[in-house]
Amino acid sequence: MDKREIILKKVLGGVEYDRMVAYWNFKSLTVVALYGTFDVFHPSVFELINFAAGQGQELVVGIKPDSQVKQELGRRFPVFNQKQRAAMVATHQLVSAVHICNEGIEAFLRRTKPSVAVCCANASEADKQSLEVVREWNGRIEIFNDSTTSVNDIISKY
């Protein structure tokens, strides 16, 4: 098995994803869910992933689907498609699994039932509000405030 295949094994959907989450819950591991676009990697993305990984034992990253990114940011986005973005996130050593969230953020969180839900302070208010669902099972919400760069900062420079 080559390195690319190993990385892509972290990108899970359907039953594979559900089984992995069930296994972590069976082992009483602290699952952390991070949700976002992850379109353009920059230093703050790595800081965000490191912050999220530090909140628990297993980090799952939910990727916004292309259709939602286009709806929110316009037809020129995303720069990279959802499979490419998922593969980029999966390369990070601290990420346990990546899931493309075609079902939306709340469904992703209900499916995962993480102990901790994380998002960046630069996330939309709607995304931040969606995290509130984790309180139904006594999960906590962490907002990463130490971002030094945003995608908008990068784009404006070009």
N, C-alpha and C. Protein backbone atom coordinates (compact mmCIF):
# COMPACT_ATOMS: atom_id res chain seq x y z
N MET A 1 0.85 -1.17 0.00
CA MET A 1 0.00 0.00 0.00
C MET A 1 0.90 1.25 0.00
N ASP A 2 0.65 2.16 -0.93
CA ASP A 2 1.48 3.36 -0.98
C ASP A 2 0.94 4.42 -0.01
N LYS A 3 1.72 5.49 0.17
CA LYS A 3 1.38 6.52 1.15
C LYS A 3 0.05 7.20 0.85
N ARG A 4 -0.25 7.42 -0.43
CA ARG A 4 -1.51 8.07 -0.78
C ARG A 4 -2.70 7.21 -0.34
N GLU A 5 -2.60 5.91 -0.53
CA GLU A 5 -3.68 5.01 -0.10
C GLU A 5 -3.86 5.04 1.41
N ILE A 6 -2.76 5.13 2.13
CA ILE A 6 -2.82 5.19 3.59
C ILE A 6 -3.54 6.47 4.03
N ILE A 7 -3.20 7.59 3.39
CA ILE A 7 -3.84 8.86 3.72
C ILE A 7 -5.33 8.81 3.41
N LEU A 8 -5.68 8.29 2.23
CA LEU A 8 -7.08 8.26 1.82
C LEU A 8 -7.93 7.31 2.66
N LYS A 9 -7.30 6.38 3.38
CA LYS A 9 -8.04 5.50 4.28
C LYS A 9 -8.65 6.27 5.46
N LYS A 10 -8.15 7.47 5.70
CA LYS A 10 -8.70 8.31 6.77
C LYS A 10 -10.00 8.99 6.33
N VAL A 11 -10.23 9.09 5.03
CA VAL A 11 -11.44 9.74 4.52
C VAL A 11 -12.56 8.70 4.53
N LEU A 12 -13.48 8.88 5.47
CA LEU A 12 -14.51 7.86 5.71
C LEU A 12 -15.90 8.41 5.46
N GLY A 13 -16.76 7.54 5.00
CA GLY A 13 -18.17 7.89 4.80
C GLY A 13 -19.03 6.70 5.18
N GLY A 14 -20.31 6.93 5.30
CA GLY A 14 -21.27 5.85 5.52
C GLY A 14 -20.96 4.97 6.70
N VAL A 15 -21.08 3.68 6.47
CA VAL A 15 -20.92 2.67 7.52
C VAL A 15 -19.50 2.68 8.08
N GLU A 16 -18.50 2.90 7.22
CA GLU A 16 -17.12 2.94 7.70
C GLU A 16 -16.94 4.01 8.77
N TYR A 17 -17.50 5.18 8.50
CA TYR A 17 -17.40 6.28 9.46
C TYR A 17 -18.12 5.92 10.77
N ASP A 18 -19.34 5.41 10.64
CA ASP A 18 -20.12 5.04 11.83
C ASP A 18 -19.41 3.99 12.67
N ARG A 19 -18.79 3.03 12.03
CA ARG A 19 -18.06 1.97 12.76
C ARG A 19 -16.87 2.54 13.51
N MET A 20 -16.14 3.45 12.86
CA MET A 20 -14.98 4.04 13.52
C MET A 20 -15.40 4.83 14.75
N VAL A 21 -16.45 5.63 14.62
CA VAL A 21 -16.94 6.41 15.76
C VAL A 21 -17.43 5.48 16.86
N ALA A 22 -18.14 4.42 16.51
CA ALA A 22 -18.63 3.46 17.50
C ALA A 22 -17.46 2.80 18.23
N TYR A 23 -16.40 2.48 17.51
CA TYR A 23 -15.21 1.88 18.12
C TYR A 23 -14.59 2.83 19.14
N TRP A 24 -14.44 4.10 18.77
CA TRP A 24 -13.86 5.07 19.70
C TRP A 24 -14.74 5.22 20.94
N ASN A 25 -16.04 5.25 20.74
CA ASN A 25 -16.96 5.36 21.88
C ASN A 25 -16.87 4.12 22.76
N PHE A 26 -16.78 2.93 22.15
CA PHE A 26 -16.63 1.68 22.89
C PHE A 26 -15.36 1.72 23.75
N LYS A 27 -14.30 2.31 23.22
CA LYS A 27 -13.03 2.40 23.94
C LYS A 27 -13.00 3.58 24.92
N SER A 28 -14.12 4.31 25.02
CA SER A 28 -14.25 5.49 25.90
C SER A 28 -13.21 6.56 25.60
N LEU A 29 -12.94 6.75 24.31
CA LEU A 29 -12.00 7.78 23.90
C LEU A 29 -12.74 9.10 23.71
N THR A 30 -12.06 10.19 23.97
CA THR A 30 -12.64 11.52 23.79
C THR A 30 -12.56 11.90 22.32
N VAL A 31 -13.72 12.02 21.69
CA VAL A 31 -13.79 12.37 20.26
C VAL A 31 -14.02 13.87 20.14
N VAL A 32 -13.22 14.48 19.28
CA VAL A 32 -13.32 15.91 19.00
C VAL A 32 -13.73 16.06 17.54
N ALA A 33 -14.71 16.92 17.29
CA ALA A 33 -15.15 17.18 15.92
C ALA A 33 -14.78 18.61 15.54
N LEU A 34 -14.18 18.75 14.39
CA LEU A 34 -13.82 20.04 13.82
C LEU A 34 -14.49 20.12 12.47
N TYR A 35 -15.09 21.27 12.16
CA TYR A 35 -15.85 21.40 10.93
C TYR A 35 -15.43 22.65 10.20
N GLY A 36 -15.30 22.55 8.87
CA GLY A 36 -14.97 23.74 8.11
C GLY A 36 -14.77 23.45 6.64
N THR A 37 -14.32 24.47 5.93
CA THR A 37 -14.11 24.39 4.48
C THR A 37 -12.75 23.79 4.15
N PHE A 38 -11.70 24.27 4.80
CA PHE A 38 -10.32 23.79 4.60
C PHE A 38 -9.92 23.85 3.13
N ASP A 39 -10.19 24.99 2.52
CA ASP A 39 -9.93 25.14 1.09
C ASP A 39 -8.50 25.54 0.79
N VAL A 40 -7.99 26.52 1.47
CA VAL A 40 -6.63 26.99 1.24
C VAL A 40 -5.85 26.79 2.53
N PHE A 41 -4.86 25.92 2.49
CA PHE A 41 -4.07 25.66 3.70
C PHE A 41 -3.09 26.80 3.93
N HIS A 42 -3.07 27.29 5.15
CA HIS A 42 -2.16 28.36 5.57
C HIS A 42 -1.83 28.08 7.03
N PRO A 43 -0.88 28.81 7.61
CA PRO A 43 -0.45 28.48 8.98
C PRO A 43 -1.57 28.39 10.00
N SER A 44 -2.58 29.22 9.91
CA SER A 44 -3.65 29.17 10.90
C SER A 44 -4.47 27.89 10.83
N VAL A 45 -4.53 27.27 9.65
CA VAL A 45 -5.23 25.98 9.55
C VAL A 45 -4.50 24.93 10.37
N PHE A 46 -3.18 24.92 10.28
CA PHE A 46 -2.40 23.96 11.08
C PHE A 46 -2.55 24.26 12.57
N GLU A 47 -2.58 25.54 12.93
CA GLU A 47 -2.78 25.92 14.33
C GLU A 47 -4.15 25.46 14.81
N LEU A 48 -5.17 25.62 13.97
CA LEU A 48 -6.53 25.19 14.32
C LEU A 48 -6.59 23.68 14.52
N ILE A 49 -6.00 22.92 13.62
CA ILE A 49 -6.00 21.45 13.76
C ILE A 49 -5.25 21.04 15.01
N ASN A 50 -4.12 21.66 15.29
CA ASN A 50 -3.36 21.33 16.50
C ASN A 50 -4.17 21.65 17.75
N PHE A 51 -4.85 22.80 17.75
CA PHE A 51 -5.70 23.19 18.88
C PHE A 51 -6.80 22.15 19.09
N ALA A 52 -7.49 21.80 18.01
CA ALA A 52 -8.60 20.83 18.10
C ALA A 52 -8.10 19.48 18.60
N ALA A 53 -6.98 19.02 18.06
CA ALA A 53 -6.43 17.72 18.47
C ALA A 53 -6.08 17.71 19.96
N GLY A 54 -5.71 18.85 20.48
CA GLY A 54 -5.36 18.94 21.90
C GLY A 54 -6.55 18.88 22.83
N GLN A 55 -7.76 18.89 22.29
CA GLN A 55 -8.98 18.87 23.10
C GLN A 55 -9.44 17.45 23.43
N GLY A 56 -8.81 16.44 22.84
CA GLY A 56 -9.24 15.06 23.08
C GLY A 56 -8.27 14.06 22.50
N GLN A 57 -8.77 12.85 22.30
CA GLN A 57 -7.90 11.76 21.85
C GLN A 57 -8.04 11.43 20.37
N GLU A 58 -9.23 11.59 19.81
CA GLU A 58 -9.47 11.29 18.40
C GLU A 58 -10.08 12.52 17.75
N LEU A 59 -9.46 12.98 16.67
CA LEU A 59 -9.95 14.17 15.97
C LEU A 59 -10.58 13.78 14.64
N VAL A 60 -11.86 14.10 14.49
CA VAL A 60 -12.54 13.91 13.21
C VAL A 60 -12.80 15.29 12.62
N VAL A 61 -12.54 15.41 11.33
CA VAL A 61 -12.72 16.68 10.66
C VAL A 61 -13.82 16.54 9.63
N GLY A 62 -14.83 17.37 9.77
CA GLY A 62 -15.93 17.41 8.81
C GLY A 62 -15.64 18.47 7.76
N ILE A 63 -15.72 18.08 6.51
CA ILE A 63 -15.44 18.97 5.39
C ILE A 63 -16.76 19.44 4.77
N LYS A 64 -16.89 20.76 4.60
CA LYS A 64 -18.09 21.28 3.92
C LYS A 64 -18.09 20.80 2.48
N PRO A 65 -19.24 20.35 1.99
CA PRO A 65 -19.31 19.91 0.59
C PRO A 65 -19.21 21.11 -0.36
N ASP A 66 -18.78 20.82 -1.58
CA ASP A 66 -18.59 21.86 -2.59
C ASP A 66 -19.84 22.71 -2.77
N SER A 67 -21.01 22.08 -2.80
CA SER A 67 -22.25 22.82 -3.04
C SER A 67 -22.49 23.88 -1.97
N GLN A 68 -22.20 23.55 -0.73
CA GLN A 68 -22.40 24.50 0.36
C GLN A 68 -21.38 25.64 0.28
N VAL A 69 -20.13 25.31 -0.06
CA VAL A 69 -19.10 26.34 -0.17
C VAL A 69 -19.47 27.32 -1.27
N LYS A 70 -19.92 26.81 -2.42
CA LYS A 70 -20.35 27.67 -3.53
C LYS A 70 -21.50 28.58 -3.10
N GLN A 71 -22.44 28.02 -2.38
CA GLN A 71 -23.59 28.80 -1.92
C GLN A 71 -23.16 29.92 -0.99
N GLU A 72 -22.20 29.65 -0.11
CA GLU A 72 -21.77 30.64 0.87
C GLU A 72 -20.78 31.65 0.29
N LEU A 73 -19.86 31.20 -0.58
CA LEU A 73 -18.77 32.07 -1.02
C LEU A 73 -18.82 32.47 -2.49
N GLY A 74 -19.70 31.85 -3.26
CA GLY A 74 -19.80 32.20 -4.67
C GLY A 74 -19.25 31.12 -5.58
N ARG A 75 -19.51 31.28 -6.87
CA ARG A 75 -19.19 30.23 -7.84
C ARG A 75 -17.69 29.99 -8.02
N ARG A 76 -16.85 30.94 -7.62
CA ARG A 76 -15.40 30.77 -7.78
C ARG A 76 -14.80 29.87 -6.70
N PHE A 77 -15.61 29.47 -5.74
CA PHE A 77 -15.12 28.65 -4.64
C PHE A 77 -15.90 27.35 -4.59
N PRO A 78 -15.34 26.33 -4.04
CA PRO A 78 -14.01 26.27 -3.45
C PRO A 78 -12.92 26.22 -4.52
N VAL A 79 -11.72 26.57 -4.11
CA VAL A 79 -10.57 26.49 -5.01
C VAL A 79 -10.28 25.02 -5.31
N PHE A 80 -10.34 24.19 -4.28
CA PHE A 80 -10.12 22.75 -4.41
C PHE A 80 -11.43 22.03 -4.11
N ASN A 81 -11.68 20.93 -4.84
CA ASN A 81 -12.95 20.21 -4.61
C ASN A 81 -12.91 19.46 -3.28
N GLN A 82 -14.07 18.97 -2.87
CA GLN A 82 -14.19 18.35 -1.55
C GLN A 82 -13.30 17.14 -1.36
N LYS A 83 -13.08 16.36 -2.40
CA LYS A 83 -12.17 15.20 -2.26
C LYS A 83 -10.74 15.64 -2.07
N GLN A 84 -10.33 16.68 -2.79
CA GLN A 84 -8.97 17.22 -2.63
C GLN A 84 -8.79 17.82 -1.24
N ARG A 85 -9.80 18.56 -0.78
CA ARG A 85 -9.71 19.17 0.54
C ARG A 85 -9.67 18.10 1.63
N ALA A 86 -10.46 17.05 1.47
CA ALA A 86 -10.45 15.96 2.44
C ALA A 86 -9.09 15.28 2.48
N ALA A 87 -8.49 15.06 1.32
CA ALA A 87 -7.16 14.43 1.27
C ALA A 87 -6.12 15.33 1.92
N MET A 88 -6.20 16.64 1.69
CA MET A 88 -5.24 17.56 2.32
C MET A 88 -5.34 17.50 3.84
N VAL A 89 -6.55 17.50 4.36
CA VAL A 89 -6.73 17.44 5.81
C VAL A 89 -6.25 16.10 6.35
N ALA A 90 -6.52 15.03 5.61
CA ALA A 90 -6.13 13.68 6.06
C ALA A 90 -4.63 13.52 6.19
N THR A 91 -3.86 14.34 5.49
CA THR A 91 -2.39 14.22 5.59
C THR A 91 -1.86 14.67 6.94
N HIS A 92 -2.65 15.44 7.66
CA HIS A 92 -2.19 15.92 8.97
C HIS A 92 -2.15 14.75 9.94
N GLN A 93 -1.03 14.57 10.58
CA GLN A 93 -0.80 13.43 11.47
C GLN A 93 -1.79 13.37 12.64
N LEU A 94 -2.28 14.50 13.11
CA LEU A 94 -3.15 14.51 14.28
C LEU A 94 -4.62 14.24 13.95
N VAL A 95 -4.94 14.15 12.68
CA VAL A 95 -6.32 13.90 12.25
C VAL A 95 -6.55 12.39 12.18
N SER A 96 -7.57 11.92 12.89
CA SER A 96 -7.90 10.49 12.92
C SER A 96 -8.78 10.09 11.76
N ALA A 97 -9.73 10.95 11.38
CA ALA A 97 -10.65 10.64 10.29
C ALA A 97 -11.18 11.95 9.69
N VAL A 98 -11.56 11.85 8.42
CA VAL A 98 -12.14 12.98 7.70
C VAL A 98 -13.45 12.50 7.10
N HIS A 99 -14.46 13.36 7.20
CA HIS A 99 -15.78 13.01 6.69
C HIS A 99 -16.31 14.18 5.87
N ILE A 100 -16.71 13.93 4.64
CA ILE A 100 -17.33 14.98 3.82
C ILE A 100 -18.79 15.06 4.24
N CYS A 101 -19.19 16.22 4.73
CA CYS A 101 -20.49 16.39 5.39
C CYS A 101 -21.59 16.80 4.42
N ASN A 102 -21.93 15.92 3.51
CA ASN A 102 -23.04 16.20 2.59
C ASN A 102 -24.35 16.42 3.32
N GLU A 103 -24.44 15.87 4.51
CA GLU A 103 -25.67 15.97 5.28
C GLU A 103 -25.76 17.25 6.11
N GLY A 104 -24.71 18.06 6.15
CA GLY A 104 -24.71 19.31 6.91
C GLY A 104 -24.04 19.15 8.26
N ILE A 105 -23.74 20.26 8.88
CA ILE A 105 -22.98 20.26 10.13
C ILE A 105 -23.75 19.63 11.29
N GLU A 106 -25.01 19.96 11.44
CA GLU A 106 -25.76 19.40 12.58
C GLU A 106 -25.90 17.89 12.47
N ALA A 107 -26.18 17.39 11.29
CA ALA A 107 -26.28 15.94 11.10
C ALA A 107 -24.93 15.27 11.36
N PHE A 108 -23.85 15.91 10.92
CA PHE A 108 -22.49 15.40 11.17
C PHE A 108 -22.24 15.31 12.67
N LEU A 109 -22.60 16.35 13.40
CA LEU A 109 -22.37 16.34 14.85
C LEU A 109 -23.26 15.33 15.55
N ARG A 110 -24.51 15.21 15.13
CA ARG A 110 -25.40 14.21 15.73
C ARG A 110 -24.90 12.79 15.45
N ARG A 111 -24.37 12.59 14.26
CA ARG A 111 -23.85 11.28 13.88
C ARG A 111 -22.60 10.93 14.69
N THR A 112 -21.78 11.93 14.95
CA THR A 112 -20.49 11.73 15.63
C THR A 112 -20.63 11.76 17.14
N LYS A 113 -21.52 12.61 17.64
CA LYS A 113 -21.70 12.84 19.08
C LYS A 113 -20.36 13.06 19.78
N PRO A 114 -19.63 14.08 19.33
CA PRO A 114 -18.32 14.32 19.93
C PRO A 114 -18.43 14.87 21.36
N SER A 115 -17.41 14.65 22.14
CA SER A 115 -17.33 15.25 23.46
C SER A 115 -17.05 16.73 23.34
N VAL A 116 -16.33 17.09 22.27
CA VAL A 116 -15.95 18.48 22.04
C VAL A 116 -16.17 18.81 20.57
N ALA A 117 -16.76 19.98 20.30
CA ALA A 117 -16.90 20.48 18.93
C ALA A 117 -16.07 21.76 18.85
N VAL A 118 -15.27 21.87 17.78
CA VAL A 118 -14.36 23.00 17.63
C VAL A 118 -14.61 23.70 16.31
N CYS A 119 -14.51 25.01 16.31
CA CYS A 119 -14.48 25.77 15.07
C CYS A 119 -13.63 27.01 15.27
N CYS A 120 -13.28 27.63 14.19
CA CYS A 120 -12.45 28.82 14.20
C CYS A 120 -13.32 30.04 14.47
N ALA A 121 -12.76 31.04 15.12
CA ALA A 121 -13.48 32.29 15.37
C ALA A 121 -13.91 32.95 14.07
N ASN A 122 -13.22 32.66 12.96
CA ASN A 122 -13.56 33.22 11.66
C ASN A 122 -14.71 32.49 10.98
N ALA A 123 -15.21 31.41 11.59
CA ALA A 123 -16.32 30.65 11.00
C ALA A 123 -17.57 31.52 10.97
N SER A 124 -18.49 31.16 10.09
CA SER A 124 -19.74 31.92 10.00
C SER A 124 -20.53 31.78 11.30
N GLU A 125 -21.37 32.77 11.57
CA GLU A 125 -22.22 32.71 12.76
C GLU A 125 -23.15 31.51 12.70
N ALA A 126 -23.61 31.16 11.51
CA ALA A 126 -24.49 30.00 11.35
C ALA A 126 -23.76 28.72 11.75
N ASP A 127 -22.50 28.58 11.33
CA ASP A 127 -21.72 27.39 11.70
C ASP A 127 -21.49 27.35 13.21
N LYS A 128 -21.15 28.48 13.80
CA LYS A 128 -20.95 28.52 15.25
C LYS A 128 -22.22 28.14 15.99
N GLN A 129 -23.36 28.65 15.52
CA GLN A 129 -24.64 28.35 16.15
C GLN A 129 -24.97 26.86 16.03
N SER A 130 -24.61 26.27 14.90
CA SER A 130 -24.88 24.84 14.69
C SER A 130 -24.15 23.96 15.69
N LEU A 131 -23.03 24.44 16.22
CA LEU A 131 -22.29 23.65 17.21
C LEU A 131 -23.08 23.43 18.49
N GLU A 132 -24.05 24.27 18.75
CA GLU A 132 -24.83 24.19 19.99
C GLU A 132 -25.49 22.82 20.17
N VAL A 133 -25.68 22.08 19.09
CA VAL A 133 -26.33 20.78 19.18
C VAL A 133 -25.56 19.83 20.11
N VAL A 134 -24.25 20.01 20.26
CA VAL A 134 -23.46 19.10 21.10
C VAL A 134 -23.82 19.21 22.58
N ARG A 135 -24.46 20.29 22.95
CA ARG A 135 -24.88 20.45 24.35
C ARG A 135 -25.99 19.46 24.71
N GLU A 136 -26.68 18.91 23.71
CA GLU A 136 -27.74 17.92 23.96
C GLU A 136 -27.20 16.68 24.66
N TRP A 137 -25.96 16.32 24.42
CA TRP A 137 -25.35 15.16 25.08
C TRP A 137 -24.20 15.59 25.97
N ASN A 138 -24.28 16.84 26.46
CA ASN A 138 -23.30 17.41 27.40
C ASN A 138 -21.91 17.58 26.80
N GLY A 139 -21.86 17.75 25.49
CA GLY A 139 -20.58 18.07 24.84
C GLY A 139 -20.25 19.54 25.07
N ARG A 140 -19.01 19.87 24.84
CA ARG A 140 -18.61 21.27 25.00
C ARG A 140 -18.16 21.85 23.67
N ILE A 141 -18.16 23.17 23.60
CA ILE A 141 -17.79 23.89 22.39
C ILE A 141 -16.53 24.69 22.67
N GLU A 142 -15.58 24.60 21.75
CA GLU A 142 -14.35 25.38 21.86
C GLU A 142 -14.20 26.19 20.57
N ILE A 143 -13.94 27.47 20.73
CA ILE A 143 -13.72 28.35 19.59
C ILE A 143 -12.23 28.72 19.57
N PHE A 144 -11.60 28.47 18.44
CA PHE A 144 -10.18 28.79 18.27
C PHE A 144 -10.06 30.27 17.92
N ASN A 145 -9.44 31.03 18.80
CA ASN A 145 -9.35 32.48 18.63
C ASN A 145 -7.96 32.97 18.23
N ASP A 146 -7.01 32.08 18.10
CA ASP A 146 -5.62 32.49 17.86
C ASP A 146 -5.23 32.50 16.40
N SER A 147 -6.19 32.64 15.51
CA SER A 147 -5.90 32.65 14.08
C SER A 147 -5.13 33.91 13.72
N THR A 148 -4.03 33.71 13.01
CA THR A 148 -3.21 34.85 12.59
C THR A 148 -3.46 35.21 11.12
N THR A 149 -4.12 34.32 10.40
CA THR A 149 -4.36 34.52 8.97
C THR A 149 -5.74 33.96 8.64
N SER A 150 -6.42 34.61 7.71
CA SER A 150 -7.68 34.05 7.21
C SER A 150 -7.57 33.92 5.70
N VAL A 151 -8.44 33.12 5.13
CA VAL A 151 -8.46 32.97 3.67
C VAL A 151 -8.71 34.32 3.01
N ASN A 152 -9.57 35.13 3.62
CA ASN A 152 -9.85 36.46 3.07
C ASN A 152 -8.60 37.32 3.05
N ASP A 153 -7.76 37.22 4.07
CA ASP A 153 -6.49 37.96 4.08
C ASP A 153 -5.61 37.54 2.91
N ILE A 154 -5.54 36.23 2.70
CA ILE A 154 -4.70 35.70 1.61
C ILE A 154 -5.24 36.14 0.25
N ILE A 155 -6.54 35.98 0.06
CA ILE A 155 -7.15 36.34 -1.22
C ILE A 155 -6.99 37.82 -1.51
N SER A 156 -7.15 38.66 -0.49
CA SER A 156 -7.03 40.10 -0.71
C SER A 156 -5.62 40.49 -1.14
N LYS A 157 -4.62 39.72 -0.77
CA LYS A 157 -3.24 40.01 -1.18
C LYS A 157 -3.03 39.71 -2.66
N TYR A 158 -3.87 38.85 -3.22
CA TYR A 158 -3.73 38.51 -4.63
C TYR A 158 -4.64 39.38 -5.46
